Amino acid sequence: QYNADIDHMRVKPQQELLNPAYLAERAQLIDRSKAR
């Protein structure tokens, strides 16, 4: 959805895609017992 020439990206890689809070939020979507 987001990856492109960095001059054309709409999100900031380090500050937003790698934001610890965002990654923790994404990790909570993982169900340890089944694939999604």
PDB file of all heavy atoms in Angstrom:
ATOM      1  N   GLN A   1       0.802  -1.213   0.000  1.00  0.00           N
ATOM      2  CA  GLN A   1       0.000   0.000   0.000  1.00  0.00           C
ATOM      3  C   GLN A   1       0.841   1.272   0.000  1.00  0.00           C
ATOM      4  O   GLN A   1       0.494   2.250  -0.667  1.00  0.00           O
ATOM      5  CB  GLN A   1      -0.929   0.021   1.221  1.00  0.00           C
ATOM      6  CG  GLN A   1      -1.789   1.269   1.349  1.00  0.00           C
ATOM      7  CD  GLN A   1      -2.814   1.410   0.228  1.00  0.00           C
ATOM      8  OE1 GLN A   1      -3.139   0.426  -0.444  1.00  0.00           O
ATOM      9  NE2 GLN A   1      -3.331   2.596   0.032  1.00  0.00           N
ATOM     10  N   TYR A   2       1.957   1.269   0.712  1.00  0.00           N
ATOM     11  CA  TYR A   2       2.662   2.524   0.978  1.00  0.00           C
ATOM     12  C   TYR A   2       4.032   2.657   0.322  1.00  0.00           C
ATOM     13  O   TYR A   2       4.524   3.774   0.140  1.00  0.00           O
ATOM     14  CB  TYR A   2       2.839   2.700   2.492  1.00  0.00           C
ATOM     15  CG  TYR A   2       1.534   2.764   3.250  1.00  0.00           C
ATOM     16  CD1 TYR A   2       1.205   1.794   4.199  1.00  0.00           C
ATOM     17  CD2 TYR A   2       0.625   3.801   3.025  1.00  0.00           C
ATOM     18  CE1 TYR A   2       0.005   1.842   4.899  1.00  0.00           C
ATOM     19  CE2 TYR A   2      -0.578   3.856   3.723  1.00  0.00           C
ATOM     20  CZ  TYR A   2      -0.881   2.878   4.658  1.00  0.00           C
ATOM     21  OH  TYR A   2      -2.063   2.937   5.344  1.00  0.00           O
ATOM     22  N   ASN A   3       4.706   1.535  -0.011  1.00  0.00           N
ATOM     23  CA  ASN A   3       6.102   1.637  -0.433  1.00  0.00           C
ATOM     24  C   ASN A   3       6.243   2.223  -1.836  1.00  0.00           C
ATOM     25  O   ASN A   3       5.513   1.845  -2.760  1.00  0.00           O
ATOM     26  CB  ASN A   3       6.775   0.269  -0.392  1.00  0.00           C
ATOM     27  CG  ASN A   3       8.286   0.394  -0.359  1.00  0.00           C
ATOM     28  OD1 ASN A   3       8.838   0.959   0.575  1.00  0.00           O
ATOM     29  ND2 ASN A   3       8.965  -0.117  -1.383  1.00  0.00           N
ATOM     30  N   ALA A   4       7.192   3.131  -1.993  1.00  0.00           N
ATOM     31  CA  ALA A   4       7.420   3.809  -3.269  1.00  0.00           C
ATOM     32  C   ALA A   4       8.716   4.595  -3.170  1.00  0.00           C
ATOM     33  O   ALA A   4       9.425   4.555  -2.153  1.00  0.00           O
ATOM     34  CB  ALA A   4       6.255   4.752  -3.587  1.00  0.00           C
ATOM     35  N   ASP A   5       9.051   5.290  -4.224  1.00  0.00           N
ATOM     36  CA  ASP A   5      10.104   6.305  -4.176  1.00  0.00           C
ATOM     37  C   ASP A   5       9.829   7.171  -2.950  1.00  0.00           C
ATOM     38  O   ASP A   5       8.728   7.694  -2.780  1.00  0.00           O
ATOM     39  CB  ASP A   5      10.043   7.132  -5.459  1.00  0.00           C
ATOM     40  CG  ASP A   5      11.165   8.145  -5.585  1.00  0.00           C
ATOM     41  OD1 ASP A   5      11.582   8.723  -4.555  1.00  0.00           O
ATOM     42  OD2 ASP A   5      11.628   8.384  -6.714  1.00  0.00           O
ATOM     43  N   ILE A   6      10.809   7.313  -2.079  1.00  0.00           N
ATOM     44  CA  ILE A   6      10.569   7.982  -0.798  1.00  0.00           C
ATOM     45  C   ILE A   6      10.075   9.412  -0.971  1.00  0.00           C
ATOM     46  O   ILE A   6       9.328   9.930  -0.129  1.00  0.00           O
ATOM     47  CB  ILE A   6      11.845   7.942   0.077  1.00  0.00           C
ATOM     48  CG1 ILE A   6      11.489   8.216   1.540  1.00  0.00           C
ATOM     49  CG2 ILE A   6      12.927   8.881  -0.456  1.00  0.00           C
ATOM     50  CD1 ILE A   6      12.605   7.881   2.513  1.00  0.00           C
ATOM     51  N   ASP A   7      10.423  10.051  -2.083  1.00  0.00           N
ATOM     52  CA  ASP A   7       9.955  11.411  -2.339  1.00  0.00           C
ATOM     53  C   ASP A   7       8.468  11.457  -2.664  1.00  0.00           C
ATOM     54  O   ASP A   7       7.874  12.542  -2.708  1.00  0.00           O
ATOM     55  CB  ASP A   7      10.746  12.036  -3.487  1.00  0.00           C
ATOM     56  CG  ASP A   7      12.205  12.272  -3.129  1.00  0.00           C
ATOM     57  OD1 ASP A   7      12.506  12.394  -1.923  1.00  0.00           O
ATOM     58  OD2 ASP A   7      13.040  12.326  -4.049  1.00  0.00           O
ATOM     59  N   HIS A   8       7.859  10.289  -2.910  1.00  0.00           N
ATOM     60  CA  HIS A   8       6.442  10.241  -3.277  1.00  0.00           C
ATOM     61  C   HIS A   8       5.598   9.511  -2.240  1.00  0.00           C
ATOM     62  O   HIS A   8       4.393   9.365  -2.429  1.00  0.00           O
ATOM     63  CB  HIS A   8       6.281   9.557  -4.643  1.00  0.00           C
ATOM     64  CG  HIS A   8       6.925  10.296  -5.766  1.00  0.00           C
ATOM     65  ND1 HIS A   8       6.235  11.136  -6.611  1.00  0.00           N
ATOM     66  CD2 HIS A   8       8.224  10.327  -6.188  1.00  0.00           C
ATOM     67  CE1 HIS A   8       7.068  11.653  -7.505  1.00  0.00           C
ATOM     68  NE2 HIS A   8       8.270  11.177  -7.272  1.00  0.00           N
ATOM     69  N   MET A   9       6.214   9.044  -1.148  1.00  0.00           N
ATOM     70  CA  MET A   9       5.453   8.317  -0.131  1.00  0.00           C
ATOM     71  C   MET A   9       4.577   9.256   0.683  1.00  0.00           C
ATOM     72  O   MET A   9       4.942  10.410   0.923  1.00  0.00           O
ATOM     73  CB  MET A   9       6.404   7.544   0.788  1.00  0.00           C
ATOM     74  CG  MET A   9       7.026   6.336   0.119  1.00  0.00           C
ATOM     75  SD  MET A   9       8.140   5.421   1.216  1.00  0.00           S
ATOM     76  CE  MET A   9       6.979   4.749   2.423  1.00  0.00           C
ATOM     77  N   ARG A  10       3.435   8.731   1.118  1.00  0.00           N
ATOM     78  CA  ARG A  10       2.496   9.532   1.898  1.00  0.00           C
ATOM     79  C   ARG A  10       2.643   9.294   3.394  1.00  0.00           C
ATOM     80  O   ARG A  10       1.922   9.905   4.193  1.00  0.00           O
ATOM     81  CB  ARG A  10       1.065   9.236   1.439  1.00  0.00           C
ATOM     82  CG  ARG A  10       0.852   9.593  -0.036  1.00  0.00           C
ATOM     83  CD  ARG A  10      -0.609   9.401  -0.458  1.00  0.00           C
ATOM     84  NE  ARG A  10      -0.775   9.781  -1.845  1.00  0.00           N
ATOM     85  CZ  ARG A  10      -0.684   8.946  -2.870  1.00  0.00           C
ATOM     86  NH1 ARG A  10      -0.446   7.665  -2.655  1.00  0.00           N
ATOM     87  NH2 ARG A  10      -0.845   9.360  -4.106  1.00  0.00           N
ATOM     88  N   VAL A  11       3.510   8.357   3.765  1.00  0.00           N
ATOM     89  CA  VAL A  11       3.815   8.124   5.173  1.00  0.00           C
ATOM     90  C   VAL A  11       5.331   8.130   5.337  1.00  0.00           C
ATOM     91  O   VAL A  11       6.073   7.868   4.388  1.00  0.00           O
ATOM     92  CB  VAL A  11       3.238   6.781   5.675  1.00  0.00           C
ATOM     93  CG1 VAL A  11       1.727   6.800   5.611  1.00  0.00           C
ATOM     94  CG2 VAL A  11       3.790   5.609   4.883  1.00  0.00           C
ATOM     95  N   LYS A  12       5.790   8.440   6.530  1.00  0.00           N
ATOM     96  CA  LYS A  12       7.218   8.492   6.798  1.00  0.00           C
ATOM     97  C   LYS A  12       7.685   7.121   7.294  1.00  0.00           C
ATOM     98  O   LYS A  12       7.140   6.587   8.271  1.00  0.00           O
ATOM     99  CB  LYS A  12       7.516   9.566   7.837  1.00  0.00           C
ATOM    100  CG  LYS A  12       7.163  10.970   7.364  1.00  0.00           C
ATOM    101  CD  LYS A  12       7.386  12.003   8.462  1.00  0.00           C
ATOM    102  CE  LYS A  12       7.010  13.403   7.972  1.00  0.00           C
ATOM    103  NZ  LYS A  12       7.176  14.414   9.047  1.00  0.00           N
ATOM    104  N   PRO A  13       8.688   6.541   6.637  1.00  0.00           N
ATOM    105  CA  PRO A  13       9.097   5.176   6.990  1.00  0.00           C
ATOM    106  C   PRO A  13       9.502   5.008   8.450  1.00  0.00           C
ATOM    107  O   PRO A  13       8.944   4.166   9.160  1.00  0.00           O
ATOM    108  CB  PRO A  13      10.274   4.910   6.040  1.00  0.00           C
ATOM    109  CG  PRO A  13      10.026   5.808   4.876  1.00  0.00           C
ATOM    110  CD  PRO A  13       9.399   7.040   5.443  1.00  0.00           C
ATOM    111  N   GLN A  14      10.472   5.782   8.919  1.00  0.00           N
ATOM    112  CA  GLN A  14      10.967   5.580  10.276  1.00  0.00           C
ATOM    113  C   GLN A  14       9.972   6.077  11.319  1.00  0.00           C
ATOM    114  O   GLN A  14       9.671   5.391  12.293  1.00  0.00           O
ATOM    115  CB  GLN A  14      12.308   6.303  10.460  1.00  0.00           C
ATOM    116  CG  GLN A  14      13.004   5.999  11.782  1.00  0.00           C
ATOM    117  CD  GLN A  14      13.636   4.622  11.829  1.00  0.00           C
ATOM    118  OE1 GLN A  14      14.497   4.283  11.040  1.00  0.00           O
ATOM    119  NE2 GLN A  14      13.202   3.804  12.787  1.00  0.00           N
ATOM    120  N   GLN A  15       9.420   7.258  11.101  1.00  0.00           N
ATOM    121  CA  GLN A  15       8.579   7.871  12.127  1.00  0.00           C
ATOM    122  C   GLN A  15       7.190   7.256  12.213  1.00  0.00           C
ATOM    123  O   GLN A  15       6.578   7.250  13.295  1.00  0.00           O
ATOM    124  CB  GLN A  15       8.446   9.380  11.861  1.00  0.00           C
ATOM    125  CG  GLN A  15       9.758  10.139  11.935  1.00  0.00           C
ATOM    126  CD  GLN A  15      10.442  10.254  10.570  1.00  0.00           C
ATOM    127  OE1 GLN A  15      10.365   9.346   9.753  1.00  0.00           O
ATOM    128  NE2 GLN A  15      11.095  11.383  10.346  1.00  0.00           N
ATOM    129  N   GLU A  16       6.663   6.732  11.099  1.00  0.00           N
ATOM    130  CA  GLU A  16       5.282   6.248  11.108  1.00  0.00           C
ATOM    131  C   GLU A  16       5.180   4.734  10.910  1.00  0.00           C
ATOM    132  O   GLU A  16       4.582   4.034  11.729  1.00  0.00           O
ATOM    133  CB  GLU A  16       4.473   6.998  10.053  1.00  0.00           C
ATOM    134  CG  GLU A  16       4.338   8.468  10.418  1.00  0.00           C
ATOM    135  CD  GLU A  16       3.644   9.304   9.351  1.00  0.00           C
ATOM    136  OE1 GLU A  16       3.776   9.006   8.151  1.00  0.00           O
ATOM    137  OE2 GLU A  16       2.972  10.271   9.747  1.00  0.00           O
ATOM    138  N   LEU A  17       5.765   4.191   9.837  1.00  0.00           N
ATOM    139  CA  LEU A  17       5.675   2.743   9.619  1.00  0.00           C
ATOM    140  C   LEU A  17       6.415   1.961  10.700  1.00  0.00           C
ATOM    141  O   LEU A  17       6.029   0.838  11.039  1.00  0.00           O
ATOM    142  CB  LEU A  17       6.211   2.371   8.233  1.00  0.00           C
ATOM    143  CG  LEU A  17       5.333   2.775   7.046  1.00  0.00           C
ATOM    144  CD1 LEU A  17       6.038   2.459   5.736  1.00  0.00           C
ATOM    145  CD2 LEU A  17       3.965   2.091   7.090  1.00  0.00           C
ATOM    146  N   LEU A  18       7.496   2.538  11.246  1.00  0.00           N
ATOM    147  CA  LEU A  18       8.264   1.856  12.286  1.00  0.00           C
ATOM    148  C   LEU A  18       7.998   2.427  13.677  1.00  0.00           C
ATOM    149  O   LEU A  18       8.738   2.154  14.619  1.00  0.00           O
ATOM    150  CB  LEU A  18       9.767   1.933  11.966  1.00  0.00           C
ATOM    151  CG  LEU A  18      10.198   1.179  10.699  1.00  0.00           C
ATOM    152  CD1 LEU A  18      11.687   1.372  10.440  1.00  0.00           C
ATOM    153  CD2 LEU A  18       9.870  -0.308  10.803  1.00  0.00           C
ATOM    154  N   ASN A  19       6.950   3.179  13.810  1.00  0.00           N
ATOM    155  CA  ASN A  19       6.574   3.715  15.122  1.00  0.00           C
ATOM    156  C   ASN A  19       6.265   2.545  16.059  1.00  0.00           C
ATOM    157  O   ASN A  19       5.438   1.681  15.740  1.00  0.00           O
ATOM    158  CB  ASN A  19       5.334   4.606  14.969  1.00  0.00           C
ATOM    159  CG  ASN A  19       4.931   5.259  16.273  1.00  0.00           C
ATOM    160  OD1 ASN A  19       4.516   4.584  17.204  1.00  0.00           O
ATOM    161  ND2 ASN A  19       5.055   6.578  16.332  1.00  0.00           N
ATOM    162  N   PRO A  20       6.909   2.472  17.217  1.00  0.00           N
ATOM    163  CA  PRO A  20       6.692   1.330  18.123  1.00  0.00           C
ATOM    164  C   PRO A  20       5.227   1.106  18.483  1.00  0.00           C
ATOM    165  O   PRO A  20       4.771  -0.037  18.574  1.00  0.00           O
ATOM    166  CB  PRO A  20       7.519   1.700  19.357  1.00  0.00           C
ATOM    167  CG  PRO A  20       8.594   2.596  18.837  1.00  0.00           C
ATOM    168  CD  PRO A  20       7.949   3.389  17.740  1.00  0.00           C
ATOM    169  N   ALA A  21       4.487   2.181  18.681  1.00  0.00           N
ATOM    170  CA  ALA A  21       3.077   2.037  19.035  1.00  0.00           C
ATOM    171  C   ALA A  21       2.291   1.423  17.881  1.00  0.00           C
ATOM    172  O   ALA A  21       1.400   0.580  18.095  1.00  0.00           O
ATOM    173  CB  ALA A  21       2.493   3.396  19.410  1.00  0.00           C
ATOM    174  N   TYR A  22       2.624   1.845  16.654  1.00  0.00           N
ATOM    175  CA  TYR A  22       1.927   1.285  15.488  1.00  0.00           C
ATOM    176  C   TYR A  22       2.251  -0.195  15.327  1.00  0.00           C
ATOM    177  O   TYR A  22       1.355  -1.027  15.084  1.00  0.00           O
ATOM    178  CB  TYR A  22       2.316   2.057  14.227  1.00  0.00           C
ATOM    179  CG  TYR A  22       1.727   1.464  12.961  1.00  0.00           C
ATOM    180  CD1 TYR A  22       0.345   1.422  12.773  1.00  0.00           C
ATOM    181  CD2 TYR A  22       2.541   0.943  11.968  1.00  0.00           C
ATOM    182  CE1 TYR A  22      -0.203   0.869  11.609  1.00  0.00           C
ATOM    183  CE2 TYR A  22       2.002   0.392  10.815  1.00  0.00           C
ATOM    184  CZ  TYR A  22       0.626   0.360  10.640  1.00  0.00           C
ATOM    185  OH  TYR A  22       0.086  -0.198   9.504  1.00  0.00           O
ATOM    186  N   LEU A  23       3.524  -0.566  15.486  1.00  0.00           N
ATOM    187  CA  LEU A  23       3.895  -1.968  15.340  1.00  0.00           C
ATOM    188  C   LEU A  23       3.276  -2.828  16.440  1.00  0.00           C
ATOM    189  O   LEU A  23       2.862  -3.968  16.197  1.00  0.00           O
ATOM    190  CB  LEU A  23       5.416  -2.108  15.336  1.00  0.00           C
ATOM    191  CG  LEU A  23       6.132  -1.464  14.142  1.00  0.00           C
ATOM    192  CD1 LEU A  23       7.636  -1.703  14.234  1.00  0.00           C
ATOM    193  CD2 LEU A  23       5.595  -1.997  12.820  1.00  0.00           C
ATOM    194  N   ALA A  24       3.201  -2.307  17.644  1.00  0.00           N
ATOM    195  CA  ALA A  24       2.549  -3.050  18.730  1.00  0.00           C
ATOM    196  C   ALA A  24       1.065  -3.241  18.432  1.00  0.00           C
ATOM    197  O   ALA A  24       0.491  -4.312  18.686  1.00  0.00           O
ATOM    198  CB  ALA A  24       2.737  -2.318  20.050  1.00  0.00           C
ATOM    199  N   GLU A  25       0.450  -2.207  17.860  1.00  0.00           N
ATOM    200  CA  GLU A  25      -0.968  -2.295  17.476  1.00  0.00           C
ATOM    201  C   GLU A  25      -1.160  -3.349  16.391  1.00  0.00           C
ATOM    202  O   GLU A  25      -2.098  -4.157  16.449  1.00  0.00           O
ATOM    203  CB  GLU A  25      -1.422  -0.925  16.971  1.00  0.00           C
ATOM    204  CG  GLU A  25      -2.827  -0.875  16.400  1.00  0.00           C
ATOM    205  CD  GLU A  25      -3.107   0.469  15.741  1.00  0.00           C
ATOM    206  OE1 GLU A  25      -2.702   1.501  16.310  1.00  0.00           O
ATOM    207  OE2 GLU A  25      -3.703   0.471  14.648  1.00  0.00           O
ATOM    208  N   ARG A  26      -0.248  -3.368  15.398  1.00  0.00           N
ATOM    209  CA  ARG A  26      -0.334  -4.374  14.324  1.00  0.00           C
ATOM    210  C   ARG A  26      -0.112  -5.775  14.886  1.00  0.00           C
ATOM    211  O   ARG A  26      -0.771  -6.740  14.494  1.00  0.00           O
ATOM    212  CB  ARG A  26       0.698  -4.069  13.237  1.00  0.00           C
ATOM    213  CG  ARG A  26       0.469  -2.771  12.486  1.00  0.00           C
ATOM    214  CD  ARG A  26      -0.726  -2.850  11.566  1.00  0.00           C
ATOM    215  NE  ARG A  26      -0.383  -3.411  10.272  1.00  0.00           N
ATOM    216  CZ  ARG A  26      -1.286  -3.838   9.388  1.00  0.00           C
ATOM    217  NH1 ARG A  26      -2.565  -3.813   9.692  1.00  0.00           N
ATOM    218  NH2 ARG A  26      -0.910  -4.324   8.220  1.00  0.00           N
ATOM    219  N   ALA A  27       0.824  -5.896  15.826  1.00  0.00           N
ATOM    220  CA  ALA A  27       1.115  -7.208  16.416  1.00  0.00           C
ATOM    221  C   ALA A  27      -0.093  -7.779  17.132  1.00  0.00           C
ATOM    222  O   ALA A  27      -0.270  -9.009  17.180  1.00  0.00           O
ATOM    223  CB  ALA A  27       2.298  -7.102  17.372  1.00  0.00           C
ATOM    224  N   GLN A  28      -0.937  -6.910  17.689  1.00  0.00           N
ATOM    225  CA  GLN A  28      -2.116  -7.392  18.409  1.00  0.00           C
ATOM    226  C   GLN A  28      -3.139  -8.035  17.477  1.00  0.00           C
ATOM    227  O   GLN A  28      -4.059  -8.722  17.926  1.00  0.00           O
ATOM    228  CB  GLN A  28      -2.760  -6.236  19.182  1.00  0.00           C
ATOM    229  CG  GLN A  28      -1.920  -5.721  20.332  1.00  0.00           C
ATOM    230  CD  GLN A  28      -1.496  -6.828  21.289  1.00  0.00           C
ATOM    231  OE1 GLN A  28      -2.348  -7.579  21.791  1.00  0.00           O
ATOM    232  NE2 GLN A  28      -0.200  -6.950  21.528  1.00  0.00           N
ATOM    233  N   LEU A  29      -2.989  -7.822  16.182  1.00  0.00           N
ATOM    234  CA  LEU A  29      -3.874  -8.454  15.208  1.00  0.00           C
ATOM    235  C   LEU A  29      -3.509  -9.922  14.983  1.00  0.00           C
ATOM    236  O   LEU A  29      -4.280 -10.666  14.365  1.00  0.00           O
ATOM    237  CB  LEU A  29      -3.817  -7.710  13.872  1.00  0.00           C
ATOM    238  CG  LEU A  29      -4.285  -6.250  13.878  1.00  0.00           C
ATOM    239  CD1 LEU A  29      -4.024  -5.616  12.521  1.00  0.00           C
ATOM    240  CD2 LEU A  29      -5.759  -6.162  14.247  1.00  0.00           C
ATOM    241  N   ILE A  30      -2.347 -10.331  15.466  1.00  0.00           N
ATOM    242  CA  ILE A  30      -1.889 -11.703  15.260  1.00  0.00           C
ATOM    243  C   ILE A  30      -2.549 -12.625  16.279  1.00  0.00           C
ATOM    244  O   ILE A  30      -2.460 -12.406  17.487  1.00  0.00           O
ATOM    245  CB  ILE A  30      -0.351 -11.787  15.365  1.00  0.00           C
ATOM    246  CG1 ILE A  30       0.301 -10.990  14.235  1.00  0.00           C
ATOM    247  CG2 ILE A  30       0.123 -13.241  15.340  1.00  0.00           C
ATOM    248  CD1 ILE A  30       1.804 -10.889  14.338  1.00  0.00           C
ATOM    249  N   ASP A  31      -3.210 -13.632  15.768  1.00  0.00           N
ATOM    250  CA  ASP A  31      -3.814 -14.676  16.601  1.00  0.00           C
ATOM    251  C   ASP A  31      -2.826 -15.833  16.664  1.00  0.00           C
ATOM    252  O   ASP A  31      -2.442 -16.383  15.637  1.00  0.00           O
ATOM    253  CB  ASP A  31      -5.140 -15.131  15.984  1.00  0.00           C
ATOM    254  CG  ASP A  31      -5.929 -16.079  16.884  1.00  0.00           C
ATOM    255  OD1 ASP A  31      -5.289 -16.886  17.598  1.00  0.00           O
ATOM    256  OD2 ASP A  31      -7.164 -16.025  16.849  1.00  0.00           O
ATOM    257  N   ARG A  32      -2.383 -16.196  17.842  1.00  0.00           N
ATOM    258  CA  ARG A  32      -1.374 -17.243  17.983  1.00  0.00           C
ATOM    259  C   ARG A  32      -1.904 -18.628  17.589  1.00  0.00           C
ATOM    260  O   ARG A  32      -1.119 -19.558  17.413  1.00  0.00           O
ATOM    261  CB  ARG A  32      -0.855 -17.290  19.423  1.00  0.00           C
ATOM    262  CG  ARG A  32      -0.018 -16.071  19.801  1.00  0.00           C
ATOM    263  CD  ARG A  32       0.431 -16.131  21.253  1.00  0.00           C
ATOM    264  NE  ARG A  32       1.207 -14.954  21.627  1.00  0.00           N
ATOM    265  CZ  ARG A  32       2.532 -14.870  21.569  1.00  0.00           C
ATOM    266  NH1 ARG A  32       3.234 -15.910  21.160  1.00  0.00           N
ATOM    267  NH2 ARG A  32       3.146 -13.769  21.934  1.00  0.00           N
ATOM    268  N   SER A  33      -3.221 -18.749  17.450  1.00  0.00           N
ATOM    269  CA  SER A  33      -3.788 -20.076  17.191  1.00  0.00           C
ATOM    270  C   SER A  33      -4.283 -20.275  15.766  1.00  0.00           C
ATOM    271  O   SER A  33      -4.587 -21.399  15.380  1.00  0.00           O
ATOM    272  CB  SER A  33      -4.952 -20.345  18.153  1.00  0.00           C
ATOM    273  OG  SER A  33      -6.009 -19.431  17.921  1.00  0.00           O
ATOM    274  N   LYS A  34      -4.376 -19.187  14.981  1.00  0.00           N
ATOM    275  CA  LYS A  34      -4.869 -19.373  13.617  1.00  0.00           C
ATOM    276  C   LYS A  34      -4.363 -18.291  12.678  1.00  0.00           C
ATOM    277  O   LYS A  34      -3.994 -17.186  13.094  1.00  0.00           O
ATOM    278  CB  LYS A  34      -6.399 -19.393  13.604  1.00  0.00           C
ATOM    279  CG  LYS A  34      -7.065 -18.088  14.000  1.00  0.00           C
ATOM    280  CD  LYS A  34      -8.588 -18.226  13.957  1.00  0.00           C
ATOM    281  CE  LYS A  34      -9.277 -16.924  14.353  1.00  0.00           C
ATOM    282  NZ  LYS A  34     -10.745 -17.049  14.345  1.00  0.00           N
ATOM    283  N   ALA A  35      -4.348 -18.633  11.380  1.00  0.00           N
ATOM    284  CA  ALA A  35      -3.906 -17.710  10.335  1.00  0.00           C
ATOM    285  C   ALA A  35      -5.019 -16.728  10.004  1.00  0.00           C
ATOM    286  O   ALA A  35      -6.210 -17.061  10.076  1.00  0.00           O
ATOM    287  CB  ALA A  35      -3.520 -18.495   9.089  1.00  0.00           C
ATOM    288  N   ARG A  36      -4.598 -15.520   9.641  1.00  0.00           N
ATOM    289  CA  ARG A  36      -5.556 -14.510   9.217  1.00  0.00           C
ATOM    290  C   ARG A  36      -5.067 -13.851   7.932  1.00  0.00           C
ATOM    291  O   ARG A  36      -3.871 -13.650   7.747  1.00  0.00           O
ATOM    292  CB  ARG A  36      -5.702 -13.425  10.295  1.00  0.00           C
ATOM    293  CG  ARG A  36      -6.489 -13.844  11.527  1.00  0.00           C
ATOM    294  CD  ARG A  36      -6.580 -12.684  12.508  1.00  0.00           C
ATOM    295  NE  ARG A  36      -7.522 -12.952  13.592  1.00  0.00           N
ATOM    296  CZ  ARG A  36      -7.731 -12.131  14.609  1.00  0.00           C
ATOM    297  NH1 ARG A  36      -7.064 -10.985  14.681  1.00  0.00           N
ATOM    298  NH2 ARG A  36      -8.602 -12.433  15.552  1.00  0.00           N
TER     299      ARG A  36
END
